[in-house]
C-alpha atoms as a PDB file:
ATOM      1  CA  MET A   1     124.548 -33.363 233.752  1.00  0.00           C
ATOM      2  CA  GLY A   2     121.869 -34.393 231.615  1.00  0.00           C
ATOM      3  CA  GLN A   3     119.356 -33.073 234.032  1.00  0.00           C
ATOM      4  CA  GLU A   4     121.042 -29.809 234.205  1.00  0.00           C
ATOM      5  CA  LYS A   5     120.543 -29.508 230.404  1.00  0.00           C
ATOM      6  CA  ASP A   6     116.984 -30.566 230.366  1.00  0.00           C
ATOM      7  CA  LEU A   7     116.369 -27.830 232.926  1.00  0.00           C
ATOM      8  CA  LYS A   8     118.217 -25.045 230.810  1.00  0.00           C
ATOM      9  CA  LYS A   9     116.081 -26.174 227.876  1.00  0.00           C
ATOM     10  CA  LYS A  10     113.227 -25.865 229.412  1.00  0.00           C
ATOM     11  CA  ARG A  11     113.797 -22.464 230.934  1.00  0.00           C
ATOM     12  CA  LYS A  12     114.603 -21.227 227.626  1.00  0.00           C
ATOM     13  CA  LYS A  13     111.113 -22.612 226.321  1.00  0.00           C
ATOM     14  CA  ARG A  14     109.551 -20.834 228.855  1.00  0.00           C
ATOM     15  CA  SER A  15     111.252 -17.350 228.178  1.00  0.00           C
ATOM     16  CA  ARG A  16     110.271 -17.625 224.444  1.00  0.00           C
ATOM     17  CA  SER A  17     106.940 -18.415 225.297  1.00  0.00           C
ATOM     18  CA  ASN A  18     106.780 -15.413 227.424  1.00  0.00           C
ATOM     19  CA  GLU A  19     108.526 -13.198 224.992  1.00  0.00           C
ATOM     20  CA  LYS A  20     105.919 -14.179 222.391  1.00  0.00           C
ATOM     21  CA  SER A  21     103.184 -13.493 224.857  1.00  0.00           C
ATOM     22  CA  VAL A  22     104.491 -10.344 225.552  1.00  0.00           C
ATOM     23  CA  GLU A  23     104.749  -9.323 221.750  1.00  0.00           C
ATOM     24  CA  LEU A  24     101.162 -10.719 221.138  1.00  0.00           C
ATOM     25  CA  VAL A  25     100.028  -8.579 224.267  1.00  0.00           C
ATOM     26  CA  VAL A  26     101.637  -5.354 222.681  1.00  0.00           C
ATOM     27  CA  ALA A  27     100.534  -6.298 219.369  1.00  0.00           C
ATOM     28  CA  ASP A  28      97.081  -6.152 220.994  1.00  0.00           C
ATOM     29  CA  GLU A  29      97.310  -3.478 222.729  1.00  0.00           C
ATOM     30  CA  ALA A  30      98.784  -1.457 219.888  1.00  0.00           C
ATOM     31  CA  LYS A  31      96.123  -2.590 217.609  1.00  0.00           C
ATOM     32  CA  GLN A  32      93.162  -1.685 220.515  1.00  0.00           C
ATOM     33  CA  ILE A  33      94.863   1.764 220.695  1.00  0.00           C
ATOM     34  CA  GLN A  34      94.800   2.253 216.884  1.00  0.00           C
ATOM     35  CA  GLN A  35      91.396   1.145 216.806  1.00  0.00           C
ATOM     36  CA  GLN A  36      90.278   3.394 219.844  1.00  0.00           C
ATOM     37  CA  GLN A  37      92.212   6.541 217.898  1.00  0.00           C
ATOM     38  CA  GLN A  38      90.345   5.579 214.702  1.00  0.00           C
ATOM     39  CA  GLY A  39      87.075   5.663 216.572  1.00  0.00           C
ATOM     40  CA  GLN A  40      87.783   8.761 218.067  1.00  0.00           C
ATOM     41  CA  GLU A  41      88.646  10.452 214.860  1.00  0.00           C
ATOM     42  CA  LYS A  42      85.233   9.073 213.234  1.00  0.00           C
ATOM     43  CA  VAL A  43      83.616  10.357 216.406  1.00  0.00           C
ATOM     44  CA  ILE A  44      84.903  13.853 215.983  1.00  0.00           C
ATOM     45  CA  ALA A  45      84.700  13.776 212.208  1.00  0.00           C
ATOM     46  CA  ASN A  46      81.218  13.153 212.784  1.00  0.00           C
ATOM     47  CA  GLU A  47      80.949  15.686 215.416  1.00  0.00           C
ATOM     48  CA  GLU A  48      82.456  18.274 213.421  1.00  0.00           C
ATOM     49  CA  ASP A  49      80.040  17.313 210.009  1.00  0.00           C
ATOM     50  CA  ILE A  50      77.195  17.789 212.854  1.00  0.00           C
ATOM     51  CA  GLN A  51      78.550  21.087 214.066  1.00  0.00           C
ATOM     52  CA  LYS A  52      79.423  22.539 210.763  1.00  0.00           C
ATOM     53  CA  PRO A  53      75.729  23.423 209.808  1.00  0.00           C
ATOM     54  CA  LYS A  54      75.037  24.421 213.256  1.00  0.00           C
ATOM     55  CA  GLN A  55      77.894  27.047 213.028  1.00  0.00           C
ATOM     56  CA  GLN A  56      77.016  28.108 209.759  1.00  0.00           C
ATOM     57  CA  GLN A  57      73.403  28.199 211.086  1.00  0.00           C
ATOM     58  CA  GLN A  58      74.407  30.147 213.980  1.00  0.00           C
ATOM     59  CA  GLN A  59      76.662  32.487 212.004  1.00  0.00           C
ATOM     60  CA  GLY A  60      73.773  32.839 209.493  1.00  0.00           C
ATOM     61  CA  ASN A  61      71.483  33.834 212.562  1.00  0.00           C
ATOM     62  CA  CYS A  62      74.010  35.882 214.478  1.00  0.00           C
ATOM     63  CA  ASN A  63      73.060  39.354 212.850  1.00  0.00           C
ATOM     64  CA  PRO A  64      70.108  38.749 210.862  1.00  0.00           C
ATOM     65  CA  ASN A  65      69.777  42.515 210.116  1.00  0.00           C
ATOM     66  CA  LYS A  66      73.232  42.637 208.574  1.00  0.00           C
ATOM     67  CA  LYS A  67      73.039  43.041 204.665  1.00  0.00           C
ATOM     68  CA  LYS A  68      75.240  40.973 202.815  1.00  0.00           C
ATOM     69  CA  LYS A  69      77.985  42.644 200.836  1.00  0.00           C
ATOM     70  CA  LYS A  70      76.987  43.262 197.456  1.00  0.00           C
ATOM     71  CA  SER A  71      79.525  42.236 194.909  1.00  0.00           C
ATOM     72  CA  GLN A  72      81.124  45.336 193.471  1.00  0.00           C
ATOM     73  CA  GLU A  73      79.700  46.171 190.177  1.00  0.00           C
ATOM     74  CA  SER A  74      81.798  47.407 187.514  1.00  0.00           C
ATOM     75  CA  TYR A  75      81.059  49.918 184.698  1.00  0.00           C
ATOM     76  CA  PRO A  76      83.377  49.408 181.810  1.00  0.00           C
ATOM     77  CA  PHE A  77      81.622  52.017 179.937  1.00  0.00           C
ATOM     78  CA  GLY A  78      81.052  54.938 182.159  1.00  0.00           C
ATOM     79  CA  ASN A  79      77.702  53.667 182.361  1.00  0.00           C
ATOM     80  CA  TYR A  80      77.183  54.598 186.085  1.00  0.00           C
ATOM     81  CA  LYS A  81      73.835  54.155 187.862  1.00  0.00           C
ATOM     82  CA  ASN A  82      74.029  57.282 189.839  1.00  0.00           C
ATOM     83  CA  TYR A  83      76.353  59.241 187.588  1.00  0.00           C
ATOM     84  CA  TYR A  84      74.170  62.403 187.886  1.00  0.00           C
ATOM     85  CA  GLY A  85      74.045  62.107 191.915  1.00  0.00           C
ATOM     86  CA  TYR A  86      78.115  62.105 191.618  1.00  0.00           C
ATOM     87  CA  ARG A  87      77.770  65.379 189.426  1.00  0.00           C
ATOM     88  CA  ILE A  88      75.106  67.293 190.778  1.00  0.00           C
ATOM     89  CA  SER A  89      74.893  68.050 194.629  1.00  0.00           C
ATOM     90  CA  ASN A  90      72.033  68.601 196.430  1.00  0.00           C
ATOM     91  CA  ASP A  91      72.750  72.487 196.565  1.00  0.00           C
ATOM     92  CA  MET A  92      72.779  72.836 192.974  1.00  0.00           C
ATOM     93  CA  ASP A  93      69.397  73.943 191.126  1.00  0.00           C
ATOM     94  CA  GLU A  94      70.894  72.625 187.875  1.00  0.00           C
ATOM     95  CA  ASP A  95      73.768  71.096 186.085  1.00  0.00           C
ATOM     96  CA  PRO A  96      76.578  74.008 186.019  1.00  0.00           C
ATOM     97  CA  ARG A  97      77.423  72.899 182.361  1.00  0.00           C
ATOM     98  CA  LEU A  98      73.879  74.252 181.462  1.00  0.00           C
ATOM     99  CA  LYS A  99      75.004  77.752 182.076  1.00  0.00           C
ATOM    100  CA  VAL A 100      77.696  77.641 179.385  1.00  0.00           C
ATOM    101  CA  LEU A 101      75.797  76.353 176.653  1.00  0.00           C
ATOM    102  CA  LYS A 102      74.010  78.696 174.113  1.00  0.00           C
ATOM    103  CA  LYS A 103      70.475  78.783 173.333  1.00  0.00           C
ATOM    104  CA  GLU A 104      71.091  79.596 169.734  1.00  0.00           C
ATOM    105  CA  TRP A 105      72.747  76.162 169.446  1.00  0.00           C
ATOM    106  CA  PHE A 106      69.547  74.199 170.505  1.00  0.00           C
ATOM    107  CA  GLN A 107      66.207  76.247 170.000  1.00  0.00           C
ATOM    108  CA  GLY A 108      64.139  74.664 167.122  1.00  0.00           C
ATOM    109  CA  LYS A 109      67.153  72.400 166.414  1.00  0.00           C
ATOM    110  CA  ASP A 110      67.481  68.768 166.129  1.00  0.00           C
ATOM    111  CA  CYS A 111      70.086  67.692 168.590  1.00  0.00           C
ATOM    112  CA  LEU A 112      71.901  64.382 169.721  1.00  0.00           C
ATOM    113  CA  ASP A 113      73.238  63.457 172.894  1.00  0.00           C
ATOM    114  CA  ILE A 114      75.686  60.665 172.803  1.00  0.00           C
ATOM    115  CA  GLY A 115      76.281  58.571 176.002  1.00  0.00           C
ATOM    116  CA  CYS A 116      73.160  60.180 177.677  1.00  0.00           C
ATOM    117  CA  ASN A 117      73.445  57.957 180.611  1.00  0.00           C
ATOM    118  CA  SER A 118      70.024  58.358 182.565  1.00  0.00           C
ATOM    119  CA  GLY A 119      68.834  61.321 180.556  1.00  0.00           C
ATOM    120  CA  ILE A 120      68.771  64.117 183.212  1.00  0.00           C
ATOM    121  CA  MET A 121      71.140  66.367 181.002  1.00  0.00           C
ATOM    122  CA  THR A 122      69.068  65.483 177.632  1.00  0.00           C
ATOM    123  CA  ILE A 123      65.829  66.367 179.338  1.00  0.00           C
ATOM    124  CA  HIS A 124      67.111  69.524 180.744  1.00  0.00           C
ATOM    125  CA  ILE A 125      68.429  70.834 177.444  1.00  0.00           C
ATOM    126  CA  ALA A 126      65.294  70.157 175.835  1.00  0.00           C
ATOM    127  CA  ASN A 127      63.267  71.836 178.432  1.00  0.00           C
ATOM    128  CA  LYS A 128      65.274  74.595 178.737  1.00  0.00           C
ATOM    129  CA  PHE A 129      66.372  75.794 175.405  1.00  0.00           C
ATOM    130  CA  GLY A 130      63.470  74.583 173.434  1.00  0.00           C
ATOM    131  CA  CYS A 131      64.628  71.892 170.970  1.00  0.00           C
ATOM    132  CA  ARG A 132      62.776  70.837 168.041  1.00  0.00           C
ATOM    133  CA  SER A 133      64.176  67.174 168.801  1.00  0.00           C
ATOM    134  CA  ILE A 134      66.633  65.693 170.897  1.00  0.00           C
ATOM    135  CA  LEU A 135      67.693  62.012 170.929  1.00  0.00           C
ATOM    136  CA  GLY A 136      69.515  60.592 173.734  1.00  0.00           C
ATOM    137  CA  VAL A 137      71.827  57.303 173.189  1.00  0.00           C
ATOM    138  CA  ASP A 138      73.728  55.337 175.549  1.00  0.00           C
ATOM    139  CA  ILE A 139      75.290  51.479 175.319  1.00  0.00           C
ATOM    140  CA  ASP A 140      73.764  50.433 178.423  1.00  0.00           C
ATOM    141  CA  SER A 141      70.079  49.534 177.943  1.00  0.00           C
ATOM    142  CA  SER A 142      69.344  49.747 181.849  1.00  0.00           C
ATOM    143  CA  ARG A 143      70.315  53.332 181.632  1.00  0.00           C
ATOM    144  CA  VAL A 144      68.269  54.233 178.558  1.00  0.00           C
ATOM    145  CA  GLY A 145      65.613  52.515 180.763  1.00  0.00           C
ATOM    146  CA  ASP A 146      66.496  55.162 183.413  1.00  0.00           C
ATOM    147  CA  ALA A 147      66.288  57.903 181.123  1.00  0.00           C
ATOM    148  CA  GLN A 148      62.647  56.869 179.990  1.00  0.00           C
ATOM    149  CA  TRP A 149      61.391  56.896 183.473  1.00  0.00           C
ATOM    150  CA  HIS A 150      63.156  60.196 183.986  1.00  0.00           C
ATOM    151  CA  LEU A 151      61.266  61.620 181.191  1.00  0.00           C
ATOM    152  CA  ARG A 152      57.957  60.251 182.115  1.00  0.00           C
ATOM    153  CA  ASN A 153      58.322  61.229 185.944  1.00  0.00           C
ATOM    154  CA  PHE A 154      59.505  64.793 184.566  1.00  0.00           C
ATOM    155  CA  VAL A 155      56.303  65.395 182.392  1.00  0.00           C
ATOM    156  CA  ARG A 156      54.005  64.054 185.454  1.00  0.00           C
ATOM    157  CA  LYS A 157      55.714  66.748 188.002  1.00  0.00           C
ATOM    158  CA  GLN A 158      55.544  69.376 185.214  1.00  0.00           C
ATOM    159  CA  ASN A 159      51.928  68.587 184.384  1.00  0.00           C
ATOM    160  CA  HIS A 160      51.398  68.635 188.180  1.00  0.00           C
ATOM    161  CA  ALA A 161      52.855  72.025 188.994  1.00  0.00           C
ATOM    162  CA  LYS A 162      50.974  73.716 185.872  1.00  0.00           C
ATOM    163  CA  ALA A 163      47.841  72.160 187.579  1.00  0.00           C
ATOM    164  CA  GLY A 164      48.861  73.738 190.652  1.00  0.00           C
ATOM    165  CA  GLU A 165      49.591  76.799 189.031  1.00  0.00           C
ATOM    166  CA  LYS A 166      46.193  77.316 187.188  1.00  0.00           C
ATOM    167  CA  LYS A 167      44.561  76.570 190.779  1.00  0.00           C
ATOM    168  CA  SER A 168      46.484  79.143 192.557  1.00  0.00           C
ATOM    169  CA  SER A 169      45.612  81.858 189.511  1.00  0.00           C
ATOM    170  CA  SER A 170      42.020  81.203 189.841  1.00  0.00           C
ATOM    171  CA  ASP A 171      42.141  81.742 193.741  1.00  0.00           C
ATOM    172  CA  GLY A 172      43.617  85.085 193.140  1.00  0.00           C
ATOM    173  CA  VAL A 173      47.178  83.773 194.326  1.00  0.00           C
ATOM    174  CA  VAL A 174      50.122  84.832 192.114  1.00  0.00           C
ATOM    175  CA  HIS A 175      53.464  82.840 192.069  1.00  0.00           C
ATOM    176  CA  GLY A 176      55.215  83.815 188.975  1.00  0.00           C
ATOM    177  CA  SER A 177      55.867  81.814 185.932  1.00  0.00           C
ATOM    178  CA  GLU A 178      58.540  79.675 187.416  1.00  0.00           C
ATOM    179  CA  LEU A 179      57.468  75.871 187.831  1.00  0.00           C
ATOM    180  CA  GLN A 180      58.288  73.749 190.777  1.00  0.00           C
ATOM    181  CA  SER A 181      61.837  73.091 191.463  1.00  0.00           C
ATOM    182  CA  ILE A 182      62.721  69.758 191.494  1.00  0.00           C
ATOM    183  CA  SER A 183      66.103  67.976 192.857  1.00  0.00           C
ATOM    184  CA  LEU A 184      68.516  67.034 189.965  1.00  0.00           C
ATOM    185  CA  SER A 185      70.862  64.971 192.273  1.00  0.00           C
ATOM    186  CA  ASN A 186      67.798  62.715 192.401  1.00  0.00           C
ATOM    187  CA  GLY A 187      67.269  62.087 188.748  1.00  0.00           C
ATOM    188  CA  GLU A 188      64.873  64.763 188.010  1.00  0.00           C
ATOM    189  CA  VAL A 189      65.058  68.242 186.807  1.00  0.00           C
ATOM    190  CA  LYS A 190      63.946  72.179 187.128  1.00  0.00           C
ATOM    191  CA  THR A 191      61.205  72.964 184.692  1.00  0.00           C
ATOM    192  CA  SER A 192      61.965  76.644 183.291  1.00  0.00           C
ATOM    193  CA  SER A 193      58.609  78.017 182.659  1.00  0.00           C
ATOM    194  CA  ALA A 194      54.687  77.537 182.711  1.00  0.00           C
ATOM    195  CA  GLU A 195      54.394  77.449 178.902  1.00  0.00           C
ATOM    196  CA  ALA A 196      53.144  73.664 178.194  1.00  0.00           C
ATOM    197  CA  ARG A 197      55.262  71.877 176.053  1.00  0.00           C
ATOM    198  CA  ASP A 198      54.857  68.174 175.265  1.00  0.00           C
ATOM    199  CA  LEU A 199      58.392  66.857 175.910  1.00  0.00           C
ATOM    200  CA  PHE A 200      57.380  63.540 174.804  1.00  0.00           C
ATOM    201  CA  GLN A 201      57.585  64.677 171.143  1.00  0.00           C
ATOM    202  CA  ILE A 202      60.920  66.232 171.743  1.00  0.00           C
ATOM    203  CA  VAL A 203      62.909  63.724 173.650  1.00  0.00           C
ATOM    204  CA  SER A 204      63.383  60.349 173.258  1.00  0.00           C
ATOM    205  CA  PHE A 205      66.141  57.497 174.130  1.00  0.00           C
ATOM    206  CA  GLN A 206      67.405  54.640 172.271  1.00  0.00           C
ATOM    207  CA  LYS A 207      70.096  51.942 173.242  1.00  0.00           C
ATOM    208  CA  GLU A 208      73.063  52.343 170.813  1.00  0.00           C
ATOM    209  CA  ASN A 209      77.011  51.730 170.543  1.00  0.00           C
ATOM    210  CA  PHE A 210      77.956  54.653 168.659  1.00  0.00           C
ATOM    211  CA  VAL A 211      81.234  53.526 167.458  1.00  0.00           C
ATOM    212  CA  HIS A 212      79.636  50.642 165.512  1.00  0.00           C
ATOM    213  CA  THR A 213      75.823  51.624 164.702  1.00  0.00           C
ATOM    214  CA  ARG A 214      74.744  52.215 161.317  1.00  0.00           C
ATOM    215  CA  SER A 215      71.248  52.801 162.198  1.00  0.00           C
ATOM    216  CA  LEU A 216      71.747  56.713 162.615  1.00  0.00           C
ATOM    217  CA  ASP A 217      73.679  57.194 159.365  1.00  0.00           C
ATOM    218  CA  LYS A 218      70.570  58.839 157.574  1.00  0.00           C
ATOM    219  CA  ASN A 219      69.866  61.336 160.263  1.00  0.00           C
ATOM    220  CA  ARG A 220      71.309  64.794 160.488  1.00  0.00           C
ATOM    221  CA  TYR A 221      71.515  67.094 163.490  1.00  0.00           C
ATOM    222  CA  ASP A 222      72.081  70.836 164.248  1.00  0.00           C
ATOM    223  CA  THR A 223      73.747  70.146 167.135  1.00  0.00           C
ATOM    224  CA  ILE A 224      75.501  67.153 168.920  1.00  0.00           C
ATOM    225  CA  LEU A 225      76.604  66.475 172.538  1.00  0.00           C
ATOM    226  CA  CYS A 226      79.642  64.344 173.711  1.00  0.00           C
ATOM    227  CA  LEU A 227      79.744  64.765 177.392  1.00  0.00           C
ATOM    228  CA  SER A 228      82.477  62.930 179.401  1.00  0.00           C
ATOM    229  CA  VAL A 229      82.149  60.298 177.132  1.00  0.00           C
ATOM    230  CA  THR A 230      85.548  60.369 174.622  1.00  0.00           C
ATOM    231  CA  LYS A 231      87.370  58.505 177.594  1.00  0.00           C
ATOM    232  CA  TRP A 232      84.965  55.551 177.735  1.00  0.00           C
ATOM    233  CA  ILE A 233      85.231  55.323 173.848  1.00  0.00           C
ATOM    234  CA  HIS A 234      88.991  55.558 173.593  1.00  0.00           C
ATOM    235  CA  LEU A 235      89.777  53.030 176.769  1.00  0.00           C
ATOM    236  CA  ASN A 236      87.194  50.382 174.947  1.00  0.00           C
ATOM    237  CA  TRP A 237      88.084  50.944 171.263  1.00  0.00           C
ATOM    238  CA  GLY A 238      91.386  52.703 171.198  1.00  0.00           C
ATOM    239  CA  ASP A 239      92.690  55.407 168.647  1.00  0.00           C
ATOM    240  CA  ASP A 240      90.502  53.814 165.867  1.00  0.00           C
ATOM    241  CA  GLY A 241      87.563  54.165 168.107  1.00  0.00           C
ATOM    242  CA  LEU A 242      87.891  57.596 168.745  1.00  0.00           C
ATOM    243  CA  ILE A 243      88.675  58.602 165.214  1.00  0.00           C
ATOM    244  CA  THR A 244      85.500  56.916 164.389  1.00  0.00           C
ATOM    245  CA  LEU A 245      83.692  58.652 166.976  1.00  0.00           C
ATOM    246  CA  PHE A 246      84.825  62.065 165.554  1.00  0.00           C
ATOM    247  CA  SER A 247      84.475  61.316 161.914  1.00  0.00           C
ATOM    248  CA  LYS A 248      80.484  60.085 162.365  1.00  0.00           C
ATOM    249  CA  ILE A 249      80.056  63.241 164.529  1.00  0.00           C
ATOM    250  CA  TRP A 250      81.315  65.220 161.599  1.00  0.00           C
ATOM    251  CA  ARG A 251      79.173  63.273 158.998  1.00  0.00           C
ATOM    252  CA  LEU A 252      75.931  63.569 160.960  1.00  0.00           C
ATOM    253  CA  LEU A 253      76.033  67.224 161.724  1.00  0.00           C
ATOM    254  CA  ASN A 254      74.464  69.780 159.250  1.00  0.00           C
ATOM    255  CA  PRO A 255      76.927  72.495 157.374  1.00  0.00           C
ATOM    256  CA  GLY A 256      77.322  74.729 160.297  1.00  0.00           C
ATOM    257  CA  GLY A 257      76.248  72.627 163.189  1.00  0.00           C
ATOM    258  CA  ILE A 258      77.791  72.271 166.418  1.00  0.00           C
ATOM    259  CA  PHE A 259      79.884  69.775 168.170  1.00  0.00           C
ATOM    260  CA  VAL A 260      80.089  70.255 171.934  1.00  0.00           C
ATOM    261  CA  MET A 261      82.749  68.162 173.570  1.00  0.00           C
ATOM    262  CA  GLU A 262      83.951  67.509 177.469  1.00  0.00           C
ATOM    263  CA  PRO A 263      86.767  65.162 177.092  1.00  0.00           C
ATOM    264  CA  GLN A 264      88.302  63.831 180.146  1.00  0.00           C
ATOM    265  CA  PRO A 265      92.035  64.450 181.149  1.00  0.00           C
ATOM    266  CA  TRP A 266      94.260  61.636 180.741  1.00  0.00           C
ATOM    267  CA  LYS A 267      94.640  61.370 184.433  1.00  0.00           C
ATOM    268  CA  SER A 268      91.132  60.236 184.407  1.00  0.00           C
ATOM    269  CA  TYR A 269      92.128  57.614 181.808  1.00  0.00           C
ATOM    270  CA  GLU A 270      94.687  56.333 184.440  1.00  0.00           C
ATOM    271  CA  LYS A 271      92.265  56.307 187.015  1.00  0.00           C
ATOM    272  CA  ASN A 272      89.819  53.872 184.897  1.00  0.00           C
ATOM    273  CA  ARG A 273      92.214  51.808 182.832  1.00  0.00           C
ATOM    274  CA  ARG A 274      91.638  48.523 184.822  1.00  0.00           C
ATOM    275  CA  VAL A 275      88.095  48.362 184.771  1.00  0.00           C
ATOM    276  CA  SER A 276      88.201  45.653 182.094  1.00  0.00           C
ATOM    277  CA  GLU A 277      91.005  43.397 180.260  1.00  0.00           C
ATOM    278  CA  THR A 278      90.045  45.648 177.169  1.00  0.00           C
ATOM    279  CA  THR A 279      90.704  49.176 178.789  1.00  0.00           C
ATOM    280  CA  ALA A 280      93.932  48.067 180.226  1.00  0.00           C
ATOM    281  CA  MET A 281      95.024  46.687 176.780  1.00  0.00           C
ATOM    282  CA  HIS A 282      94.167  49.775 175.127  1.00  0.00           C
ATOM    283  CA  HIS A 283      95.379  52.274 177.700  1.00  0.00           C
ATOM    284  CA  ARG A 284      98.803  50.746 176.752  1.00  0.00           C
ATOM    285  CA  THR A 285      98.417  51.622 173.199  1.00  0.00           C
ATOM    286  CA  ILE A 286      96.783  54.848 173.022  1.00  0.00           C
ATOM    287  CA  VAL A 287      98.962  57.412 171.132  1.00  0.00           C
ATOM    288  CA  LEU A 288      96.260  60.033 170.869  1.00  0.00           C
ATOM    289  CA  ARG A 289      96.197  62.122 174.048  1.00  0.00           C
ATOM    290  CA  PRO A 290      93.061  64.406 175.217  1.00  0.00           C
ATOM    291  CA  GLU A 291      95.382  67.253 174.798  1.00  0.00           C
ATOM    292  CA  HIS A 292      95.655  66.229 170.844  1.00  0.00           C
ATOM    293  CA  PHE A 293      91.658  66.031 170.440  1.00  0.00           C
ATOM    294  CA  GLN A 294      91.710  70.008 169.361  1.00  0.00           C
ATOM    295  CA  GLU A 295      94.190  69.630 166.607  1.00  0.00           C
ATOM    296  CA  ILE A 296      92.614  66.391 165.315  1.00  0.00           C
ATOM    297  CA  LEU A 297      89.368  68.043 165.066  1.00  0.00           C
ATOM    298  CA  LEU A 298      90.513  71.200 163.318  1.00  0.00           C
ATOM    299  CA  ASP A 299      93.160  69.887 161.075  1.00  0.00           C
ATOM    300  CA  LYS A 300      92.283  66.185 160.390  1.00  0.00           C
ATOM    301  CA  ILE A 301      88.491  65.936 160.843  1.00  0.00           C
ATOM    302  CA  GLY A 302      87.401  69.287 159.308  1.00  0.00           C
ATOM    303  CA  PHE A 303      85.797  71.434 162.020  1.00  0.00           C
ATOM    304  CA  ARG A 304      86.171  75.248 160.970  1.00  0.00           C
ATOM    305  CA  THR A 305      86.456  76.851 164.438  1.00  0.00           C
ATOM    306  CA  VAL A 306      86.436  76.018 168.205  1.00  0.00           C
ATOM    307  CA  GLU A 307      85.374  78.062 171.210  1.00  0.00           C
ATOM    308  CA  ASP A 308      86.413  77.156 174.825  1.00  0.00           C
ATOM    309  CA  LEU A 309      83.717  77.394 177.203  1.00  0.00           C
ATOM    310  CA  THR A 310      85.763  76.481 180.149  1.00  0.00           C
ATOM    311  CA  SER A 311      86.313  79.917 181.556  1.00  0.00           C
ATOM    312  CA  SER A 312      82.829  80.734 182.145  1.00  0.00           C
ATOM    313  CA  LEU A 313      82.197  77.321 183.940  1.00  0.00           C
ATOM    314  CA  SER A 314      81.848  77.675 187.511  1.00  0.00           C
ATOM    315  CA  GLY A 315      80.278  75.756 190.805  1.00  0.00           C
ATOM    316  CA  VAL A 316      81.331  72.138 189.222  1.00  0.00           C
ATOM    317  CA  SER A 317      81.770  69.258 191.677  1.00  0.00           C
ATOM    318  CA  LYS A 318      84.948  68.271 192.651  1.00  0.00           C
ATOM    319  CA  GLY A 319      86.567  66.034 189.847  1.00  0.00           C
ATOM    320  CA  PHE A 320      84.467  67.318 187.310  1.00  0.00           C
ATOM    321  CA  ASP A 321      86.299  70.544 186.360  1.00  0.00           C
ATOM    322  CA  ARG A 322      86.660  69.739 182.830  1.00  0.00           C
ATOM    323  CA  GLN A 323      87.230  71.632 179.689  1.00  0.00           C
ATOM    324  CA  ILE A 324      84.174  72.084 177.481  1.00  0.00           C
ATOM    325  CA  LEU A 325      85.042  72.994 173.638  1.00  0.00           C
ATOM    326  CA  ALA A 326      82.353  73.732 170.985  1.00  0.00           C
ATOM    327  CA  PHE A 327      83.309  73.226 167.594  1.00  0.00           C
ATOM    328  CA  GLN A 328      81.400  74.525 164.451  1.00  0.00           C
ATOM    329  CA  LYS A 329      81.495  72.520 160.925  1.00  0.00           C
END
C-alpha cells in the first residue's frame, strides 16, 4: 500500500512539472510570436516611411508637365482681373456702352470714373469724347496698376500708328484719318482720330475707397460715372454705404452736372452674396433694392431729371444687359 501511494505522488509531480513546462513553452512561443509581430510591424512601418517619399516623388514626377491647380481667387469688390475680357468679345470694336454716352457730357469737361477697374473704359472715353480731364479711381491697387499700364500702352500704340500714317502720307498713300484698331478685349482701345492729344495730361488713375475717402472732397466734376459698381458698394457697406455713395456724388458734381449709373439687378446680388462674410451679412440686411435707386436719387438726394439710355443699348455680352441711367443735378 505504501509503495502505491509513493508511485501516485511521483506521477502527480511529473504531470504538474509537465504542465508547467508546457505553460512555459506556450508562454515562450507567445512571446516569440508577439516579438515577431512587433518586428514585422516595425519593418512594415520602416518600409512605409521609406516608400512614402518615393511615392510622393513618383506622384510628383508622373506628369511633370501638369500644372498645379491655382487656388480660386476671390474678388469681393468686383475687382476682376480680366473684367473687360468678359464684357467685350473679340468681334466688338468698342464697348457697346460708349454708343449711348453723349459727347457733350465729356467734351472739355472734368470727369470722374468710380470703380474704373483696369481703366479701359476711362481711357476710351477720354480719347473718343475729348475730356479736359478724367480721373479713374478703384479700391484695388493692382487694378490701378493695370490701368496705368494700359494708358502707357495705348499712348505708345497711338504714337506708333501716327508715325505710320505720316510715313504713308509722305509716300503718297492715303489711308484716311482713322488710326489702327486695337482689340478692346485684350485690355487695349481703338483710337478715333489722327489728331495728337497728350492723354497723359488728361487721364489719371489712383487707388481710393470712394465710400471712405476724403481726398476727393475739394474736387468738382462735370460728369461722374459709376458703371456696374453699385452692387459691390452695396454688398460691402450695406444701405448706409449706398447712400454715402449717392450723397458724395451729388456733392462732387458741379451744378447741372451728369451722373451716369449702371446698377446691377438684384439677381446679380444673389449670385455674388457669398464672396465674403461681409457681403453675406449685408445681403441679409439690405432694404434698398436696385429698383428703388431712381426714386432715391430724385426724391432724396436731389437730382432734377433722369434719362434712361437702356433702349439705345445694343450688342452687349450675355449677362451684361443692364439699365443705364443719366441723372442731372
